[in-house]
Protein backbone atom coordinates (compact mmCIF):
# COMPACT_ATOMS: atom_id res chain seq x y z
CA MET A 1 67.73 274.71 189.51
CA PRO A 2 71.00 275.87 187.91
CA THR A 3 72.23 274.02 184.87
CA ASP A 4 75.82 272.88 184.41
CA LYS A 5 76.22 275.63 181.83
CA SER A 6 74.94 278.37 184.17
CA VAL A 7 77.32 277.20 186.90
CA LEU A 8 80.24 277.33 184.45
CA VAL A 9 79.28 280.82 183.25
CA LEU A 10 79.01 282.05 186.84
CA ALA A 11 82.41 280.56 187.73
CA GLU A 12 83.95 282.09 184.61
CA THR A 13 82.46 285.50 185.39
CA GLN A 14 83.72 285.41 188.97
CA GLY A 15 87.16 284.36 187.76
CA ILE A 16 87.31 287.25 185.34
CA GLU A 17 86.23 289.68 188.04
CA ARG A 18 89.09 288.53 190.28
CA VAL A 19 91.60 289.08 187.47
CA VAL A 20 90.17 292.49 186.60
CA GLN A 21 90.25 293.65 190.19
CA ARG A 22 94.02 293.02 190.14
CA ASP A 23 94.45 295.06 186.93
CA PRO A 24 91.81 297.74 186.33
CA ARG A 25 93.25 298.43 182.85
CA LEU A 26 91.59 295.19 181.73
CA GLN A 27 88.27 296.99 181.79
CA HIS A 28 89.21 298.76 178.57
CA ASP A 29 90.24 295.45 177.03
CA PHE A 30 86.75 294.11 177.64
CA HIS A 31 85.23 297.10 175.87
CA ALA A 32 87.40 296.28 172.85
CA LEU A 33 86.50 292.59 173.16
CA LEU A 34 82.79 293.46 173.15
CA THR A 35 83.26 295.39 169.92
CA ALA A 36 85.07 292.43 168.34
CA GLU A 37 82.38 289.98 169.47
CA LEU A 38 79.65 292.20 168.05
CA ALA A 39 81.49 292.29 164.71
CA ASP A 40 81.90 288.48 164.77
CA THR A 41 78.20 288.03 165.48
CA ALA A 42 77.26 290.32 162.59
CA GLY A 43 79.58 288.38 160.27
CA TRP A 44 78.06 285.01 161.15
CA ASP A 45 74.58 286.47 160.78
CA LEU A 46 75.50 287.66 157.29
CA LEU A 47 76.82 284.22 156.37
CA VAL A 48 73.61 282.58 157.61
CA ARG A 49 71.53 284.90 155.43
CA VAL A 50 73.72 284.39 152.36
CA ALA A 51 73.64 280.60 152.74
CA GLU A 52 69.87 280.80 153.13
CA GLU A 53 69.56 282.96 150.02
CA PHE A 54 71.59 280.47 147.99
CA GLY A 55 69.69 277.50 149.37
CA ASP A 56 72.73 275.86 151.00
CA ARG A 57 71.06 274.19 153.97
CA GLU A 58 74.24 272.52 155.25
CA ALA A 59 76.22 275.77 155.27
CA ARG A 60 73.26 277.58 156.84
CA ARG A 61 73.09 275.01 159.63
CA GLU A 62 76.83 275.30 160.32
CA PHE A 63 76.81 279.10 160.17
CA LYS A 64 73.75 279.25 162.40
CA GLN A 65 75.54 277.15 165.04
CA ARG A 66 78.55 279.50 164.97
CA HIS A 67 76.19 282.47 165.16
CA ARG A 68 74.56 281.03 168.30
CA GLU A 69 77.99 280.54 169.86
CA GLU A 70 78.93 284.14 169.08
CA LEU A 71 75.68 285.36 170.63
CA GLU A 72 76.68 283.58 173.84
CA HIS A 73 80.09 285.29 173.72
CA VAL A 74 78.44 288.68 173.25
CA LEU A 75 76.09 288.12 176.17
CA PHE A 76 78.93 287.05 178.43
CA VAL A 77 81.26 289.94 177.55
CA ARG A 78 78.38 292.40 177.70
CA LYS A 79 77.57 291.28 181.26
CA VAL A 80 81.20 291.80 182.28
CA VAL A 81 81.28 295.29 180.72
CA GLU A 82 77.96 296.12 182.37
CA ARG A 83 79.42 295.19 185.76
CA PHE A 84 82.39 297.47 185.11
CA VAL A 85 80.13 300.37 184.26
CA LYS A 86 77.93 299.85 187.33
CA ARG A 87 80.95 299.57 189.60
CA GLU A 88 82.45 302.71 188.09
CA LEU A 89 79.24 304.65 188.62
CA GLN A 90 78.95 303.44 192.22
CA ASP A 91 82.56 304.28 193.05
CA GLY A 92 82.28 307.99 192.42
CA PRO A 93 80.97 310.87 190.41
CA MET A 94 80.88 310.56 186.64
CA PRO A 95 84.03 312.02 185.08
CA VAL A 96 83.55 315.09 182.90
CA THR A 97 84.94 313.12 179.94
CA TYR A 98 81.77 310.96 179.99
CA LEU A 99 79.46 313.93 179.55
């Protein structure tokens, strides 16, 4: 049975796909967004480890929550980028620039 969260993620993904289909240049924006989200996730992970090392349980708890949120962002953006790549590969031969 789908959860409220999974229904929202599905609706958000479908909404993004509709927007991207109107402007294929957005595909490149999502690649850049994925890079930014990966950097954010790494930063929060670092803060969690530093807070843990210094024994600051409250900061660790807060940083860990932000880290979990960033992981969700990464997963979402990664799924969108994955769909772009699959669609590109299905639409035609791989451009020479990819080789």
